[in-house]
PDB file of N, CA and C in Angstrom:
ATOM      1  N   MET A   1       5.300 -15.399  -3.248  1.00  0.00           N
ATOM      2  CA  MET A   1       5.301 -14.148  -4.035  1.00  0.00           C
ATOM      3  C   MET A   1       6.664 -13.421  -3.756  1.00  0.00           C
ATOM      4  N   LYS A   2       7.033 -13.080  -4.966  1.00  0.00           N
ATOM      5  CA  LYS A   2       8.203 -12.208  -4.806  1.00  0.00           C
ATOM      6  C   LYS A   2       8.161 -10.575  -4.951  1.00  0.00           C
ATOM      7  N   ILE A   3       9.030  -9.827  -4.201  1.00  0.00           N
ATOM      8  CA  ILE A   3       8.798  -8.313  -4.388  1.00  0.00           C
ATOM      9  C   ILE A   3      10.137  -8.018  -4.581  1.00  0.00           C
ATOM     10  N   ARG A   4      10.347  -7.250  -5.676  1.00  0.00           N
ATOM     11  CA  ARG A   4      11.545  -6.715  -6.329  1.00  0.00           C
ATOM     12  C   ARG A   4      11.634  -5.186  -6.571  1.00  0.00           C
ATOM     13  N   ASN A   5      12.808  -4.592  -6.114  1.00  0.00           N
ATOM     14  CA  ASN A   5      12.814  -2.982  -6.407  1.00  0.00           C
ATOM     15  C   ASN A   5      13.098  -2.918  -7.914  1.00  0.00           C
ATOM     16  N   GLY A   6      12.434  -1.832  -8.426  1.00  0.00           N
ATOM     17  CA  GLY A   6      12.463  -1.666  -9.791  1.00  0.00           C
ATOM     18  C   GLY A   6      11.141  -1.741 -10.705  1.00  0.00           C
ATOM     19  N   PHE A   7      11.177  -1.546 -11.912  1.00  0.00           N
ATOM     20  CA  PHE A   7      10.038  -1.613 -12.588  1.00  0.00           C
ATOM     21  C   PHE A   7      10.387  -2.860 -13.781  1.00  0.00           C
ATOM     22  N   VAL A   8      10.957  -3.785 -13.656  1.00  0.00           N
ATOM     23  CA  VAL A   8      10.873  -5.013 -14.750  1.00  0.00           C
ATOM     24  C   VAL A   8       9.389  -5.460 -14.686  1.00  0.00           C
ATOM     25  N   SER A   9       8.971  -5.584 -15.866  1.00  0.00           N
ATOM     26  CA  SER A   9       7.692  -6.339 -15.829  1.00  0.00           C
ATOM     27  C   SER A   9       7.239  -7.181 -16.933  1.00  0.00           C
ATOM     28  N   ASN A  10       6.724  -8.202 -16.534  1.00  0.00           N
ATOM     29  CA  ASN A  10       6.211  -9.418 -17.265  1.00  0.00           C
ATOM     30  C   ASN A  10       4.714  -9.612 -17.297  1.00  0.00           C
ATOM     31  N   SER A  11       4.287 -10.982 -17.849  1.00  0.00           N
ATOM     32  CA  SER A  11       2.934 -11.103 -17.693  1.00  0.00           C
ATOM     33  C   SER A  11       2.389 -11.607 -16.467  1.00  0.00           C
ATOM     34  N   SER A  12       3.383 -11.906 -15.441  1.00  0.00           N
ATOM     35  CA  SER A  12       3.080 -12.673 -14.251  1.00  0.00           C
ATOM     36  C   SER A  12       3.681 -11.576 -13.118  1.00  0.00           C
ATOM     37  N   SER A  13       3.896 -10.511 -13.402  1.00  0.00           N
ATOM     38  CA  SER A  13       3.755  -9.417 -12.406  1.00  0.00           C
ATOM     39  C   SER A  13       3.334  -8.037 -12.401  1.00  0.00           C
ATOM     40  N   SER A  14       3.647  -7.582 -11.488  1.00  0.00           N
ATOM     41  CA  SER A  14       2.973  -6.097 -11.546  1.00  0.00           C
ATOM     42  C   SER A  14       3.559  -5.151 -10.827  1.00  0.00           C
ATOM     43  N   SER A  15       3.891  -3.964 -11.248  1.00  0.00           N
ATOM     44  CA  SER A  15       4.972  -2.857 -10.598  1.00  0.00           C
ATOM     45  C   SER A  15       4.123  -2.270  -9.718  1.00  0.00           C
ATOM     46  N   PHE A  16       4.476  -1.616  -8.688  1.00  0.00           N
ATOM     47  CA  PHE A  16       3.703  -0.835  -7.830  1.00  0.00           C
ATOM     48  C   PHE A  16       4.324   0.450  -7.408  1.00  0.00           C
ATOM     49  N   MET A  17       4.084   1.568  -6.930  1.00  0.00           N
ATOM     50  CA  MET A  17       4.540   2.794  -6.302  1.00  0.00           C
ATOM     51  C   MET A  17       3.524   3.253  -5.233  1.00  0.00           C
ATOM     52  N   ILE A  18       3.978   3.128  -4.056  1.00  0.00           N
ATOM     53  CA  ILE A  18       2.844   3.671  -3.182  1.00  0.00           C
ATOM     54  C   ILE A  18       3.539   4.411  -1.719  1.00  0.00           C
ATOM     55  N   ILE A  19       2.580   5.437  -1.659  1.00  0.00           N
ATOM     56  CA  ILE A  19       2.960   6.142  -0.351  1.00  0.00           C
ATOM     57  C   ILE A  19       2.214   5.437   0.774  1.00  0.00           C
ATOM     58  N   GLY A  20       2.844   4.825   1.662  1.00  0.00           N
ATOM     59  CA  GLY A  20       2.123   4.184   2.463  1.00  0.00           C
ATOM     60  C   GLY A  20       2.885   3.632   4.007  1.00  0.00           C
ATOM     61  N   THR A  21       2.514   2.541   4.718  1.00  0.00           N
ATOM     62  CA  THR A  21       3.331   2.364   5.910  1.00  0.00           C
ATOM     63  C   THR A  21       3.230   0.546   5.662  1.00  0.00           C
ATOM     64  N   SER A  22       4.314   0.153   6.375  1.00  0.00           N
ATOM     65  CA  SER A  22       4.735  -1.391   6.502  1.00  0.00           C
ATOM     66  C   SER A  22       4.761  -1.617   8.087  1.00  0.00           C
ATOM     67  N   ASN A  23       4.010  -0.574   9.063  1.00  0.00           N
ATOM     68  CA  ASN A  23       3.803  -0.951  10.089  1.00  0.00           C
ATOM     69  C   ASN A  23       2.552  -2.174  10.452  1.00  0.00           C
ATOM     70  N   SER A  24       2.703  -3.112  10.862  1.00  0.00           N
ATOM     71  CA  SER A  24       1.755  -4.000  10.740  1.00  0.00           C
ATOM     72  C   SER A  24       0.808  -3.731  11.865  1.00  0.00           C
ATOM     73  N   VAL A  25       0.845  -3.002  13.030  1.00  0.00           N
ATOM     74  CA  VAL A  25      -0.074  -2.581  14.014  1.00  0.00           C
ATOM     75  C   VAL A  25      -1.077  -1.278  13.139  1.00  0.00           C
ATOM     76  N   ILE A  26      -0.581  -0.791  12.484  1.00  0.00           N
ATOM     77  CA  ILE A  26      -1.167   0.478  11.667  1.00  0.00           C
ATOM     78  C   ILE A  26      -2.017  -0.290  10.463  1.00  0.00           C
ATOM     79  N   ILE A  27      -1.352  -1.264   9.790  1.00  0.00           N
ATOM     80  CA  ILE A  27      -2.192  -2.091   8.870  1.00  0.00           C
ATOM     81  C   ILE A  27      -3.351  -2.639   9.426  1.00  0.00           C
ATOM     82  N   ASP A  28      -3.434  -3.245  10.502  1.00  0.00           N
ATOM     83  CA  ASP A  28      -4.345  -4.077  11.212  1.00  0.00           C
ATOM     84  C   ASP A  28      -5.635  -3.080  11.477  1.00  0.00           C
ATOM     85  N   ASN A  29      -5.191  -1.828  12.055  1.00  0.00           N
ATOM     86  CA  ASN A  29      -5.957  -0.965  12.552  1.00  0.00           C
ATOM     87  C   ASN A  29      -6.960  -0.262  11.201  1.00  0.00           C
ATOM     88  N   ILE A  30      -6.017  -0.378   9.891  1.00  0.00           N
ATOM     89  CA  ILE A  30      -7.022   0.186   8.694  1.00  0.00           C
ATOM     90  C   ILE A  30      -7.739  -0.833   8.507  1.00  0.00           C
ATOM     91  N   ILE A  31      -7.181  -1.895   8.416  1.00  0.00           N
ATOM     92  CA  ILE A  31      -8.124  -3.233   8.017  1.00  0.00           C
ATOM     93  C   ILE A  31      -9.589  -3.303   8.723  1.00  0.00           C
ATOM     94  N   LYS A  32      -9.028  -3.184  10.342  1.00  0.00           N
ATOM     95  CA  LYS A  32     -10.521  -3.217  11.156  1.00  0.00           C
ATOM     96  C   LYS A  32     -11.391  -1.933  10.760  1.00  0.00           C
ATOM     97  N   SER A  33     -10.986  -1.103  10.275  1.00  0.00           N
ATOM     98  CA  SER A  33     -11.593   0.384   9.987  1.00  0.00           C
ATOM     99  C   SER A  33     -12.421  -0.063   8.883  1.00  0.00           C
ATOM    100  N   LYS A  34     -11.959  -0.800   7.933  1.00  0.00           N
ATOM    101  CA  LYS A  34     -12.508  -0.907   6.448  1.00  0.00           C
ATOM    102  C   LYS A  34     -13.271  -1.946   6.695  1.00  0.00           C
ATOM    103  N   LYS A  35     -13.428  -2.798   7.962  1.00  0.00           N
ATOM    104  CA  LYS A  35     -14.460  -3.735   8.355  1.00  0.00           C
ATOM    105  C   LYS A  35     -14.142  -5.163   7.216  1.00  0.00           C
ATOM    106  N   MET A  36     -12.739  -5.335   7.425  1.00  0.00           N
ATOM    107  CA  MET A  36     -12.285  -6.399   6.694  1.00  0.00           C
ATOM    108  C   MET A  36     -11.455  -7.252   7.537  1.00  0.00           C
ATOM    109  N   THR A  37     -11.086  -8.495   7.217  1.00  0.00           N
ATOM    110  CA  THR A  37      -9.873  -9.288   7.739  1.00  0.00           C
ATOM    111  C   THR A  37      -8.730  -9.155   6.855  1.00  0.00           C
ATOM    112  N   ARG A  38      -7.681  -9.496   7.551  1.00  0.00           N
ATOM    113  CA  ARG A  38      -6.264  -9.762   7.069  1.00  0.00           C
ATOM    114  C   ARG A  38      -6.570 -10.905   6.128  1.00  0.00           C
ATOM    115  N   GLU A  39      -7.005 -11.779   6.538  1.00  0.00           N
ATOM    116  CA  GLU A  39      -7.405 -13.231   6.005  1.00  0.00           C
ATOM    117  C   GLU A  39      -8.318 -12.863   4.562  1.00  0.00           C
ATOM    118  N   GLU A  40      -9.262 -11.966   4.451  1.00  0.00           N
ATOM    119  CA  GLU A  40      -9.885 -11.783   3.450  1.00  0.00           C
ATOM    120  C   GLU A  40      -8.778 -10.826   2.340  1.00  0.00           C
ATOM    121  N   ILE A  41      -8.281  -9.884   2.731  1.00  0.00           N
ATOM    122  CA  ILE A  41      -7.281  -9.324   1.933  1.00  0.00           C
ATOM    123  C   ILE A  41      -6.359 -10.371   1.151  1.00  0.00           C
ATOM    124  N   ILE A  42      -5.640 -11.043   2.475  1.00  0.00           N
ATOM    125  CA  ILE A  42      -4.592 -11.790   1.651  1.00  0.00           C
ATOM    126  C   ILE A  42      -5.405 -12.854   0.649  1.00  0.00           C
ATOM    127  N   GLY A  43      -6.320 -13.194   1.000  1.00  0.00           N
ATOM    128  CA  GLY A  43      -7.219 -14.333   0.134  1.00  0.00           C
ATOM    129  C   GLY A  43      -7.628 -13.770  -1.343  1.00  0.00           C
ATOM    130  N   ASP A  44      -7.670 -12.476  -1.394  1.00  0.00           N
ATOM    131  CA  ASP A  44      -8.107 -11.559  -2.745  1.00  0.00           C
ATOM    132  C   ASP A  44      -6.730 -11.350  -3.204  1.00  0.00           C
ATOM    133  N   ILE A  45      -5.633 -11.261  -2.689  1.00  0.00           N
ATOM    134  CA  ILE A  45      -4.397 -10.624  -3.246  1.00  0.00           C
ATOM    135  C   ILE A  45      -4.148 -11.266  -4.681  1.00  0.00           C
ATOM    136  N   ASN A  46      -4.038 -10.468  -5.606  1.00  0.00           N
ATOM    137  CA  ASN A  46      -3.834 -10.981  -7.261  1.00  0.00           C
ATOM    138  C   ASN A  46      -2.473 -10.123  -7.490  1.00  0.00           C
ATOM    139  N   PHE A  47      -1.600 -10.976  -8.131  1.00  0.00           N
ATOM    140  CA  PHE A  47      -0.027 -10.494  -8.263  1.00  0.00           C
ATOM    141  C   PHE A  47       0.275  -9.724  -7.428  1.00  0.00           C
ATOM    142  N   GLY A  48       0.328  -9.893  -6.333  1.00  0.00           N
ATOM    143  CA  GLY A  48       0.850  -9.325  -4.953  1.00  0.00           C
ATOM    144  C   GLY A  48       0.314  -8.037  -4.510  1.00  0.00           C
ATOM    145  N   GLN A  49      -1.242  -7.937  -5.248  1.00  0.00           N
ATOM    146  CA  GLN A  49      -1.822  -6.618  -4.956  1.00  0.00           C
ATOM    147  C   GLN A  49      -3.308  -6.815  -4.546  1.00  0.00           C
ATOM    148  N   PHE A  50      -3.865  -6.136  -3.688  1.00  0.00           N
ATOM    149  CA  PHE A  50      -5.001  -5.962  -3.461  1.00  0.00           C
ATOM    150  C   PHE A  50      -5.631  -4.511  -3.366  1.00  0.00           C
ATOM    151  N   ASP A  51      -6.427  -4.144  -4.399  1.00  0.00           N
ATOM    152  CA  ASP A  51      -6.944  -2.893  -4.581  1.00  0.00           C
ATOM    153  C   ASP A  51      -8.256  -2.815  -3.868  1.00  0.00           C
ATOM    154  N   SER A  52      -8.239  -2.054  -2.826  1.00  0.00           N
ATOM    155  CA  SER A  52      -9.470  -1.673  -2.044  1.00  0.00           C
ATOM    156  C   SER A  52     -10.375  -0.780  -2.443  1.00  0.00           C
ATOM    157  N   GLY A  53      -9.814   0.219  -3.621  1.00  0.00           N
ATOM    158  CA  GLY A  53     -10.604   1.525  -3.884  1.00  0.00           C
ATOM    159  C   GLY A  53      -9.819   2.532  -4.002  1.00  0.00           C
ATOM    160  N   ASP A  54      -9.518   3.059  -2.388  1.00  0.00           N
ATOM    161  CA  ASP A  54      -8.865   4.213  -2.026  1.00  0.00           C
ATOM    162  C   ASP A  54      -7.317   3.906  -1.665  1.00  0.00           C
ATOM    163  N   LEU A  55      -7.151   2.458  -1.293  1.00  0.00           N
ATOM    164  CA  LEU A  55      -5.864   2.037  -0.630  1.00  0.00           C
ATOM    165  C   LEU A  55      -5.622   0.805  -1.547  1.00  0.00           C
ATOM    166  N   LEU A  56      -4.126   0.510  -1.506  1.00  0.00           N
ATOM    167  CA  LEU A  56      -3.604  -0.402  -2.082  1.00  0.00           C
ATOM    168  C   LEU A  56      -2.722  -1.338  -1.181  1.00  0.00           C
ATOM    169  N   PHE A  57      -3.050  -2.630  -0.847  1.00  0.00           N
ATOM    170  CA  PHE A  57      -2.414  -3.700  -0.077  1.00  0.00           C
ATOM    171  C   PHE A  57      -1.240  -4.285  -0.852  1.00  0.00           C
ATOM    172  N   ILE A  58      -0.055  -4.365  -0.441  1.00  0.00           N
ATOM    173  CA  ILE A  58       0.786  -5.010  -0.867  1.00  0.00           C
ATOM    174  C   ILE A  58       1.068  -6.207  -0.139  1.00  0.00           C
ATOM    175  N   GLY A  59       1.180  -7.609  -0.809  1.00  0.00           N
ATOM    176  CA  GLY A  59       1.724  -8.808   0.127  1.00  0.00           C
ATOM    177  C   GLY A  59       1.639 -10.030  -0.923  1.00  0.00           C
ATOM    178  N   ASP A  60       1.520 -11.271  -0.188  1.00  0.00           N
ATOM    179  CA  ASP A  60       1.427 -12.473  -0.762  1.00  0.00           C
ATOM    180  C   ASP A  60       0.047 -13.392  -0.123  1.00  0.00           C
ATOM    181  N   GLY A  61       0.424 -14.499  -0.472  1.00  0.00           N
ATOM    182  CA  GLY A  61      -0.759 -15.535   0.006  1.00  0.00           C
ATOM    183  C   GLY A  61      -0.415 -15.643   1.623  1.00  0.00           C
ATOM    184  N   TYR A  62       0.337 -15.063   2.062  1.00  0.00           N
ATOM    185  CA  TYR A  62       0.774 -15.488   3.799  1.00  0.00           C
ATOM    186  C   TYR A  62       1.091 -14.179   4.588  1.00  0.00           C
ATOM    187  N   ASP A  63       1.039 -13.108   4.120  1.00  0.00           N
ATOM    188  CA  ASP A  63       1.361 -11.714   4.616  1.00  0.00           C
ATOM    189  C   ASP A  63       1.013 -10.569   4.097  1.00  0.00           C
ATOM    190  N   LEU A  64       0.865  -9.440   4.806  1.00  0.00           N
ATOM    191  CA  LEU A  64       0.833  -8.091   4.034  1.00  0.00           C
ATOM    192  C   LEU A  64       2.082  -7.290   4.358  1.00  0.00           C
ATOM    193  N   TYR A  65       2.488  -6.771   3.568  1.00  0.00           N
ATOM    194  CA  TYR A  65       3.944  -5.962   3.772  1.00  0.00           C
ATOM    195  C   TYR A  65       3.781  -4.588   3.906  1.00  0.00           C
ATOM    196  N   HIS A  66       2.923  -3.842   2.944  1.00  0.00           N
ATOM    197  CA  HIS A  66       2.669  -2.498   2.929  1.00  0.00           C
ATOM    198  C   HIS A  66       0.883  -2.281   2.506  1.00  0.00           C
ATOM    199  N   VAL A  67       0.885  -1.116   2.920  1.00  0.00           N
ATOM    200  CA  VAL A  67      -0.740  -0.452   2.552  1.00  0.00           C
ATOM    201  C   VAL A  67      -0.360   1.517   2.298  1.00  0.00           C
ATOM    202  N   GLY A  68      -1.336   1.483   1.294  1.00  0.00           N
ATOM    203  CA  GLY A  68      -1.114   3.019   1.079  1.00  0.00           C
ATOM    204  C   GLY A  68      -1.599   3.507  -0.351  1.00  0.00           C
ATOM    205  N   MET A  69      -1.551   4.607  -0.664  1.00  0.00           N
ATOM    206  CA  MET A  69      -1.997   5.052  -1.848  1.00  0.00           C
ATOM    207  C   MET A  69      -1.077   5.087  -2.908  1.00  0.00           C
ATOM    208  N   GLU A  70      -1.728   4.487  -4.071  1.00  0.00           N
ATOM    209  CA  GLU A  70      -1.115   4.212  -5.414  1.00  0.00           C
ATOM    210  C   GLU A  70      -0.610   5.574  -5.978  1.00  0.00           C
ATOM    211  N   LEU A  71       0.620   5.871  -6.276  1.00  0.00           N
ATOM    212  CA  LEU A  71       1.349   6.975  -6.753  1.00  0.00           C
ATOM    213  C   LEU A  71       1.996   6.518  -8.401  1.00  0.00           C
ATOM    214  N   SER A  72       1.442   7.570  -9.281  1.00  0.00           N
ATOM    215  CA  SER A  72       2.233   7.732 -10.334  1.00  0.00           C
ATOM    216  C   SER A  72       3.530   8.604 -10.374  1.00  0.00           C
ATOM    217  N   GLU A  73       4.145   8.398 -11.412  1.00  0.00           N
ATOM    218  CA  GLU A  73       5.530   9.134 -11.513  1.00  0.00           C
ATOM    219  C   GLU A  73       5.079  10.735 -11.684  1.00  0.00           C
ATOM    220  N   THR A  74       4.020  10.911 -12.445  1.00  0.00           N
ATOM    221  CA  THR A  74       3.406  12.337 -12.495  1.00  0.00           C
ATOM    222  C   THR A  74       3.194  12.975 -11.369  1.00  0.00           C
ATOM    223  N   GLU A  75       2.463  12.298 -10.324  1.00  0.00           N
ATOM    224  CA  GLU A  75       2.087  12.580  -9.090  1.00  0.00           C
ATOM    225  C   GLU A  75       3.151  12.860  -8.473  1.00  0.00           C
ATOM    226  N   MET A  76       4.290  11.970  -8.213  1.00  0.00           N
ATOM    227  CA  MET A  76       5.323  12.469  -7.543  1.00  0.00           C
ATOM    228  C   MET A  76       6.302  13.704  -7.894  1.00  0.00           C
ATOM    229  N   ASP A  77       6.190  13.797  -9.224  1.00  0.00           N
ATOM    230  CA  ASP A  77       6.841  15.208  -9.549  1.00  0.00           C
ATOM    231  C   ASP A  77       5.981  16.180  -9.254  1.00  0.00           C
ATOM    232  N   LYS A  78       4.840  16.258  -9.152  1.00  0.00           N
ATOM    233  CA  LYS A  78       3.995  17.514  -9.019  1.00  0.00           C
ATOM    234  C   LYS A  78       4.130  18.025  -7.652  1.00  0.00           C
ATOM    235  N   MET A  79       4.308  16.963  -6.411  1.00  0.00           N
ATOM    236  CA  MET A  79       4.334  17.641  -5.277  1.00  0.00           C
ATOM    237  C   MET A  79       5.588  16.710  -4.473  1.00  0.00           C
ATOM    238  N   PRO A  80       6.070  17.603  -3.548  1.00  0.00           N
ATOM    239  CA  PRO A  80       7.133  16.922  -2.644  1.00  0.00           C
ATOM    240  C   PRO A  80       6.479  15.761  -1.922  1.00  0.00           C
ATOM    241  N   LEU A  81       7.450  14.881  -1.636  1.00  0.00           N
ATOM    242  CA  LEU A  81       7.213  13.681  -0.568  1.00  0.00           C
ATOM    243  C   LEU A  81       6.386  13.873   0.604  1.00  0.00           C
ATOM    244  N   LEU A  82       6.634  15.112   0.956  1.00  0.00           N
ATOM    245  CA  LEU A  82       6.261  15.395   2.491  1.00  0.00           C
ATOM    246  C   LEU A  82       4.619  15.541   2.419  1.00  0.00           C
ATOM    247  N   ILE A  83       4.447  16.254   1.486  1.00  0.00           N
ATOM    248  CA  ILE A  83       3.135  16.615   0.918  1.00  0.00           C
ATOM    249  C   ILE A  83       2.042  15.398   0.719  1.00  0.00           C
ATOM    250  N   HIS A  84       2.710  14.298   0.066  1.00  0.00           N
ATOM    251  CA  HIS A  84       1.882  13.114  -0.232  1.00  0.00           C
ATOM    252  C   HIS A  84       1.846  12.272   1.166  1.00  0.00           C
ATOM    253  N   LYS A  85       3.016  12.608   1.986  1.00  0.00           N
ATOM    254  CA  LYS A  85       2.550  11.923   3.283  1.00  0.00           C
ATOM    255  C   LYS A  85       1.677  12.425   4.081  1.00  0.00           C
ATOM    256  N   GLN A  86       1.757  13.976   3.985  1.00  0.00           N
ATOM    257  CA  GLN A  86       0.416  14.497   4.756  1.00  0.00           C
ATOM    258  C   GLN A  86      -1.067  14.099   4.012  1.00  0.00           C
ATOM    259  N   ARG A  87      -1.150  14.258   2.978  1.00  0.00           N
ATOM    260  CA  ARG A  87      -2.370  13.878   2.386  1.00  0.00           C
ATOM    261  C   ARG A  87      -2.864  12.422   3.012  1.00  0.00           C
ATOM    262  N   LEU A  88      -1.930  11.487   2.811  1.00  0.00           N
ATOM    263  CA  LEU A  88      -2.104  10.004   3.126  1.00  0.00           C
ATOM    264  C   LEU A  88      -2.560  10.212   4.964  1.00  0.00           C
ATOM    265  N   SER A  89      -1.974  10.711   5.602  1.00  0.00           N
ATOM    266  CA  SER A  89      -2.141  10.636   6.895  1.00  0.00           C
ATOM    267  C   SER A  89      -3.525  11.460   7.225  1.00  0.00           C
ATOM    268  N   LYS A  90      -4.092  12.435   6.525  1.00  0.00           N
ATOM    269  CA  LYS A  90      -5.246  13.211   6.624  1.00  0.00           C
ATOM    270  C   LYS A  90      -6.388  12.244   6.082  1.00  0.00           C
ATOM    271  N   MET A  91      -6.100  11.444   5.267  1.00  0.00           N
ATOM    272  CA  MET A  91      -7.334  10.763   4.507  1.00  0.00           C
ATOM    273  C   MET A  91      -7.513   9.686   5.432  1.00  0.00           C
ATOM    274  N   LEU A  92      -6.429   9.099   6.237  1.00  0.00           N
ATOM    275  CA  LEU A  92      -6.500   7.821   7.081  1.00  0.00           C
ATOM    276  C   LEU A  92      -7.341   8.284   8.305  1.00  0.00           C
ATOM    277  N   LYS A  93      -7.034   9.498   8.694  1.00  0.00           N
ATOM    278  CA  LYS A  93      -7.861  10.185  10.023  1.00  0.00           C
ATOM    279  C   LYS A  93      -9.174  10.566   9.973  1.00  0.00           C
ATOM    280  N   GLU A  94      -9.524  11.077   8.712  1.00  0.00           N
ATOM    281  CA  GLU A  94     -10.841  11.450   8.476  1.00  0.00           C
ATOM    282  C   GLU A  94     -11.300  10.435   8.128  1.00  0.00           C
ATOM    283  N   LYS A  95     -11.229   9.539   7.015  1.00  0.00           N
ATOM    284  CA  LYS A  95     -11.812   8.367   6.377  1.00  0.00           C
ATOM    285  C   LYS A  95     -12.016   7.012   7.401  1.00  0.00           C
ATOM    286  N   TYR A  96     -10.952   6.846   8.318  1.00  0.00           N
ATOM    287  CA  TYR A  96     -10.968   5.599   8.609  1.00  0.00           C
ATOM    288  C   TYR A  96     -10.625   5.798  10.335  1.00  0.00           C
ATOM    289  N   ASN A  97     -10.522   6.936  10.673  1.00  0.00           N
ATOM    290  CA  ASN A  97     -10.014   7.396  12.062  1.00  0.00           C
ATOM    291  C   ASN A  97      -9.015   6.712  12.582  1.00  0.00           C
ATOM    292  N   VAL A  98      -7.838   6.510  11.735  1.00  0.00           N
ATOM    293  CA  VAL A  98      -6.420   6.075  12.014  1.00  0.00           C
ATOM    294  C   VAL A  98      -5.580   6.765  12.241  1.00  0.00           C
ATOM    295  N   ASP A  99      -5.200   7.183  13.206  1.00  0.00           N
ATOM    296  CA  ASP A  99      -4.016   8.208  13.270  1.00  0.00           C
ATOM    297  C   ASP A  99      -2.762   7.949  13.157  1.00  0.00           C
ATOM    298  N   ILE A 100      -2.039   8.279  12.227  1.00  0.00           N
ATOM    299  CA  ILE A 100      -0.719   8.031  11.591  1.00  0.00           C
ATOM    300  C   ILE A 100       0.090   9.192  11.567  1.00  0.00           C
ATOM    301  N   SER A 101       1.328   9.147  12.122  1.00  0.00           N
ATOM    302  CA  SER A 101       2.270   9.962  11.889  1.00  0.00           C
ATOM    303  C   SER A 101       3.154   9.995  10.653  1.00  0.00           C
ATOM    304  N   ILE A 102       3.245  11.062  10.134  1.00  0.00           N
ATOM    305  CA  ILE A 102       4.046  10.943   8.728  1.00  0.00           C
ATOM    306  C   ILE A 102       5.493  10.143   8.907  1.00  0.00           C
ATOM    307  N   ASP A 103       5.871  10.557  10.146  1.00  0.00           N
ATOM    308  CA  ASP A 103       7.277   9.453  10.535  1.00  0.00           C
ATOM    309  C   ASP A 103       7.099   7.979  10.158  1.00  0.00           C
ATOM    310  N   HIS A 104       5.923   7.437  10.051  1.00  0.00           N
ATOM    311  CA  HIS A 104       5.433   5.919   9.749  1.00  0.00           C
ATOM    312  C   HIS A 104       5.012   6.011   8.274  1.00  0.00           C
ATOM    313  N   ILE A 105       5.050   7.028   7.495  1.00  0.00           N
ATOM    314  CA  ILE A 105       4.749   6.779   6.236  1.00  0.00           C
ATOM    315  C   ILE A 105       5.976   6.829   5.419  1.00  0.00           C
ATOM    316  N   GLY A 106       6.036   6.022   4.431  1.00  0.00           N
ATOM    317  CA  GLY A 106       7.199   6.197   3.411  1.00  0.00           C
ATOM    318  C   GLY A 106       6.845   5.781   2.078  1.00  0.00           C
ATOM    319  N   LEU A 107       7.873   5.764   0.915  1.00  0.00           N
ATOM    320  CA  LEU A 107       7.524   5.574  -0.245  1.00  0.00           C
ATOM    321  C   LEU A 107       7.922   4.019  -0.561  1.00  0.00           C
ATOM    322  N   PHE A 108       7.196   3.236  -1.003  1.00  0.00           N
ATOM    323  CA  PHE A 108       7.489   1.886  -1.237  1.00  0.00           C
ATOM    324  C   PHE A 108       7.273   1.855  -3.052  1.00  0.00           C
ATOM    325  N   TYR A 109       8.292   0.987  -3.476  1.00  0.00           N
ATOM    326  CA  TYR A 109       8.029   0.604  -4.963  1.00  0.00           C
ATOM    327  C   TYR A 109       8.600  -0.580  -5.316  1.00  0.00           C
ATOM    328  N   GLY A 110       8.287  -1.305  -6.455  1.00  0.00           N
ATOM    329  CA  GLY A 110       9.050  -2.250  -6.817  1.00  0.00           C
ATOM    330  C   GLY A 110       7.979  -3.169  -7.813  1.00  0.00           C
ATOM    331  N   GLU A 111       8.335  -4.527  -7.712  1.00  0.00           N
ATOM    332  CA  GLU A 111       7.506  -5.147  -8.684  1.00  0.00           C
ATOM    333  C   GLU A 111       6.790  -6.663  -8.000  1.00  0.00           C
ATOM    334  N   SER A 112       5.930  -6.797  -8.000  1.00  0.00           N
ATOM    335  CA  SER A 112       5.380  -8.092  -7.211  1.00  0.00           C
ATOM    336  C   SER A 112       4.815  -9.069  -8.103  1.00  0.00           C
ATOM    337  N   SER A 113       4.685 -10.449  -8.002  1.00  0.00           N
ATOM    338  CA  SER A 113       4.443 -11.259  -8.886  1.00  0.00           C
ATOM    339  C   SER A 113       3.858 -12.504  -8.005  1.00  0.00           C
ATOM    340  N   SER A 114       3.345 -13.562  -8.854  1.00  0.00           N
ATOM    341  CA  SER A 114       2.500 -14.448  -8.177  1.00  0.00           C
ATOM    342  C   SER A 114       3.718 -15.744  -8.022  1.00  0.00           C
ATOM    343  N   GLY A 115       4.655 -15.539  -8.743  1.00  0.00           N
ATOM    344  CA  GLY A 115       5.398 -17.029  -8.617  1.00  0.00           C
ATOM    345  C   GLY A 115       6.799 -16.748  -7.983  1.00  0.00           C
TER     346      GLY A 115
END
């Protein structure tokens, strides 16, 4: 899989913008709390993404790189980045009992593809 910064898109790619983490220990804790395995998620990745409903996993057929909440440009314009980080941290704590500092949360964006 290829991951590319920016939003150039074609039929074999998908753009993403998430507020999330790339910390593999935190990603594994989230996966465990969702009662899934890393292999299940990697196996279900389509065009570099797996949408679990409330969280978007970014990866390829071999590994996961990011997990977080998908954001639109409109949502980014409505609130400062810090507020989005706090929202994700609160949601992960309340829903999955995963405690994550906002220092481990960032904005990730780009394009993922299957080729």
